[in-house]
PDB file of N, CA and C in Angstrom:
ATOM      1  N   UNK A   1      44.745 -11.875  18.126  1.00  0.00           N
ATOM      2  CA  UNK A   1      44.822 -11.950  19.573  1.00  0.00           C
ATOM      3  C   UNK A   1      44.931 -13.392  20.047  1.00  0.00           C
ATOM      4  N   UNK A   2      45.130 -14.283  19.119  1.00  0.00           N
ATOM      5  CA  UNK A   2      45.248 -15.692  19.490  1.00  0.00           C
ATOM      6  C   UNK A   2      46.482 -15.931  20.351  1.00  0.00           C
ATOM      7  N   UNK A   3      47.494 -15.066  20.195  1.00  0.00           N
ATOM      8  CA  UNK A   3      48.715 -15.217  21.003  1.00  0.00           C
ATOM      9  C   UNK A   3      48.427 -15.032  22.487  1.00  0.00           C
ATOM     10  N   UNK A   4      47.414 -14.229  22.822  1.00  0.00           N
ATOM     11  CA  UNK A   4      47.087 -13.974  24.220  1.00  0.00           C
ATOM     12  C   UNK A   4      46.060 -14.958  24.760  1.00  0.00           C
ATOM     13  N   UNK A   5      45.723 -15.961  23.966  1.00  0.00           N
ATOM     14  CA  UNK A   5      44.773 -16.969  24.405  1.00  0.00           C
ATOM     15  C   UNK A   5      43.329 -16.552  24.212  1.00  0.00           C
ATOM     16  N   UNK A   6      43.095 -15.547  23.387  1.00  0.00           N
ATOM     17  CA  UNK A   6      41.733 -15.085  23.139  1.00  0.00           C
ATOM     18  C   UNK A   6      41.288 -15.605  21.784  1.00  0.00           C
ATOM     19  N   UNK A   7      40.504 -16.650  21.807  1.00  0.00           N
ATOM     20  CA  UNK A   7      40.070 -17.258  20.558  1.00  0.00           C
ATOM     21  C   UNK A   7      38.864 -16.547  19.970  1.00  0.00           C
ATOM     22  N   UNK A   8      38.043 -15.928  20.810  1.00  0.00           N
ATOM     23  CA  UNK A   8      36.838 -15.258  20.343  1.00  0.00           C
ATOM     24  C   UNK A   8      37.136 -13.778  20.112  1.00  0.00           C
ATOM     25  N   UNK A   9      36.713 -13.257  18.983  1.00  0.00           N
ATOM     26  CA  UNK A   9      36.970 -11.860  18.648  1.00  0.00           C
ATOM     27  C   UNK A   9      36.277 -10.892  19.587  1.00  0.00           C
ATOM     28  N   UNK A  10      35.108 -11.269  20.100  1.00  0.00           N
ATOM     29  CA  UNK A  10      34.387 -10.401  21.020  1.00  0.00           C
ATOM     30  C   UNK A  10      35.152 -10.235  22.336  1.00  0.00           C
ATOM     31  N   UNK A  11      35.743 -11.300  22.826  1.00  0.00           N
ATOM     32  CA  UNK A  11      36.533 -11.225  24.055  1.00  0.00           C
ATOM     33  C   UNK A  11      37.740 -10.313  23.848  1.00  0.00           C
ATOM     34  N   UNK A  12      38.391 -10.425  22.707  1.00  0.00           N
ATOM     35  CA  UNK A  12      39.535  -9.564  22.403  1.00  0.00           C
ATOM     36  C   UNK A  12      39.097  -8.107  22.324  1.00  0.00           C
ATOM     37  N   UNK A  13      37.936  -7.846  21.709  1.00  0.00           N
ATOM     38  CA  UNK A  13      37.432  -6.480  21.611  1.00  0.00           C
ATOM     39  C   UNK A  13      37.145  -5.896  22.991  1.00  0.00           C
ATOM     40  N   UNK A  14      36.510  -6.663  23.847  1.00  0.00           N
ATOM     41  CA  UNK A  14      36.191  -6.176  25.197  1.00  0.00           C
ATOM     42  C   UNK A  14      37.469  -5.920  25.982  1.00  0.00           C
ATOM     43  N   UNK A  15      38.462  -6.776  25.833  1.00  0.00           N
ATOM     44  CA  UNK A  15      39.739  -6.592  26.531  1.00  0.00           C
ATOM     45  C   UNK A  15      40.418  -5.307  26.073  1.00  0.00           C
ATOM     46  N   UNK A  16      40.457  -5.092  24.765  1.00  0.00           N
ATOM     47  CA  UNK A  16      41.075  -3.877  24.223  1.00  0.00           C
ATOM     48  C   UNK A  16      40.278  -2.650  24.654  1.00  0.00           C
ATOM     49  N   UNK A  17      38.952  -2.731  24.648  1.00  0.00           N
ATOM     50  CA  UNK A  17      38.128  -1.610  25.070  1.00  0.00           C
ATOM     51  C   UNK A  17      38.373  -1.265  26.540  1.00  0.00           C
ATOM     52  N   UNK A  18      38.588  -2.269  27.373  1.00  0.00           N
ATOM     53  CA  UNK A  18      38.870  -2.029  28.786  1.00  0.00           C
ATOM     54  C   UNK A  18      40.201  -1.307  28.967  1.00  0.00           C
ATOM     55  N   UNK A  19      41.211  -1.735  28.247  1.00  0.00           N
ATOM     56  CA  UNK A  19      42.529  -1.097  28.351  1.00  0.00           C
ATOM     57  C   UNK A  19      42.467   0.339  27.828  1.00  0.00           C
ATOM     58  N   UNK A  20      41.795   0.552  26.706  1.00  0.00           N
ATOM     59  CA  UNK A  20      41.677   1.900  26.144  1.00  0.00           C
ATOM     60  C   UNK A  20      40.890   2.806  27.092  1.00  0.00           C
ATOM     61  N   UNK A  21      39.864   2.267  27.712  1.00  0.00           N
ATOM     62  CA  UNK A  21      39.073   3.046  28.669  1.00  0.00           C
ATOM     63  C   UNK A  21      39.918   3.449  29.875  1.00  0.00           C
ATOM     64  N   UNK A  22      40.714   2.532  30.386  1.00  0.00           N
ATOM     65  CA  UNK A  22      41.577   2.848  31.528  1.00  0.00           C
ATOM     66  C   UNK A  22      42.595   3.925  31.152  1.00  0.00           C
ATOM     67  N   UNK A  23      43.185   3.807  29.979  1.00  0.00           N
ATOM     68  CA  UNK A  23      44.137   4.829  29.530  1.00  0.00           C
ATOM     69  C   UNK A  23      43.450   6.173  29.334  1.00  0.00           C
ATOM     70  N   UNK A  24      42.230   6.145  28.822  1.00  0.00           N
ATOM     71  CA  UNK A  24      41.473   7.378  28.660  1.00  0.00           C
ATOM     72  C   UNK A  24      41.197   8.050  29.997  1.00  0.00           C
ATOM     73  N   UNK A  25      40.902   7.262  31.010  1.00  0.00           N
ATOM     74  CA  UNK A  25      40.672   7.822  32.348  1.00  0.00           C
ATOM     75  C   UNK A  25      41.938   8.459  32.900  1.00  0.00           C
ATOM     76  N   UNK A  26      43.073   7.835  32.674  1.00  0.00           N
ATOM     77  CA  UNK A  26      44.346   8.399  33.148  1.00  0.00           C
ATOM     78  C   UNK A  26      44.643   9.711  32.428  1.00  0.00           C
ATOM     79  N   UNK A  27      44.436   9.747  31.122  1.00  0.00           N
ATOM     80  CA  UNK A  27      44.688  10.966  30.354  1.00  0.00           C
ATOM     81  C   UNK A  27      43.736  12.075  30.792  1.00  0.00           C
ATOM     82  N   UNK A  28      42.464  11.748  30.946  1.00  0.00           N
ATOM     83  CA  UNK A  28      41.479  12.738  31.379  1.00  0.00           C
ATOM     84  C   UNK A  28      41.826  13.273  32.770  1.00  0.00           C
ATOM     85  N   UNK A  29      42.205  12.390  33.665  1.00  0.00           N
ATOM     86  CA  UNK A  29      42.602  12.812  35.013  1.00  0.00           C
ATOM     87  C   UNK A  29      43.826  13.705  34.996  1.00  0.00           C
ATOM     88  N   UNK A  30      44.759  13.406  34.113  1.00  0.00           N
ATOM     89  CA  UNK A  30      45.952  14.240  33.991  1.00  0.00           C
ATOM     90  C   UNK A  30      45.626  15.638  33.510  1.00  0.00           C
ATOM     91  N   UNK A  31      44.696  15.736  32.558  1.00  0.00           N
ATOM     92  CA  UNK A  31      44.304  17.062  32.068  1.00  0.00           C
ATOM     93  C   UNK A  31      43.524  17.845  33.123  1.00  0.00           C
ATOM     94  N   UNK A  32      42.725  17.165  33.896  1.00  0.00           N
ATOM     95  CA  UNK A  32      41.864  17.838  34.861  1.00  0.00           C
ATOM     96  C   UNK A  32      42.540  18.060  36.220  1.00  0.00           C
ATOM     97  N   UNK A  33      43.724  17.496  36.409  1.00  0.00           N
ATOM     98  CA  UNK A  33      44.402  17.518  37.708  1.00  0.00           C
ATOM     99  C   UNK A  33      44.594  18.944  38.225  1.00  0.00           C
ATOM    100  N   UNK A  34      45.204  19.776  37.409  1.00  0.00           N
ATOM    101  CA  UNK A  34      45.531  21.135  37.839  1.00  0.00           C
ATOM    102  C   UNK A  34      44.648  22.178  37.162  1.00  0.00           C
ATOM    103  N   UNK A  35      43.464  21.791  36.820  1.00  0.00           N
ATOM    104  CA  UNK A  35      42.538  22.734  36.218  1.00  0.00           C
ATOM    105  C   UNK A  35      42.088  23.714  37.305  1.00  0.00           C
ATOM    106  N   UNK A  36      42.163  24.968  36.983  1.00  0.00           N
ATOM    107  CA  UNK A  36      41.869  25.992  37.971  1.00  0.00           C
ATOM    108  C   UNK A  36      40.481  25.874  38.560  1.00  0.00           C
ATOM    109  N   UNK A  37      40.413  25.950  39.857  1.00  0.00           N
ATOM    110  CA  UNK A  37      39.134  25.906  40.537  1.00  0.00           C
ATOM    111  C   UNK A  37      39.212  26.778  41.776  1.00  0.00           C
ATOM    112  N   UNK A  38      38.090  27.284  42.189  1.00  0.00           N
ATOM    113  CA  UNK A  38      38.081  28.154  43.360  1.00  0.00           C
ATOM    114  C   UNK A  38      37.710  27.332  44.594  1.00  0.00           C
ATOM    115  N   UNK A  39      38.718  26.709  45.204  1.00  0.00           N
ATOM    116  CA  UNK A  39      38.497  25.886  46.386  1.00  0.00           C
ATOM    117  C   UNK A  39      38.692  26.665  47.677  1.00  0.00           C
ATOM    118  N   UNK A  40      39.225  27.884  47.604  1.00  0.00           N
ATOM    119  CA  UNK A  40      39.471  28.650  48.819  1.00  0.00           C
ATOM    120  C   UNK A  40      38.181  29.299  49.314  1.00  0.00           C
ATOM    121  N   UNK A  41      38.098  29.442  50.614  1.00  0.00           N
ATOM    122  CA  UNK A  41      36.890  30.036  51.205  1.00  0.00           C
ATOM    123  C   UNK A  41      37.198  31.354  51.847  1.00  0.00           C
TER     124      UNK A  41
END
């Protein structure tokens, strides 16, 4: 990760974890978007 200016391995790990977490949220939201629910009254 030295190409991105991250000299410390911990900083690179946190950066990658943040990106993976954001992608996980998008995937989870996509799966749950049209999940059947009884919203009608």
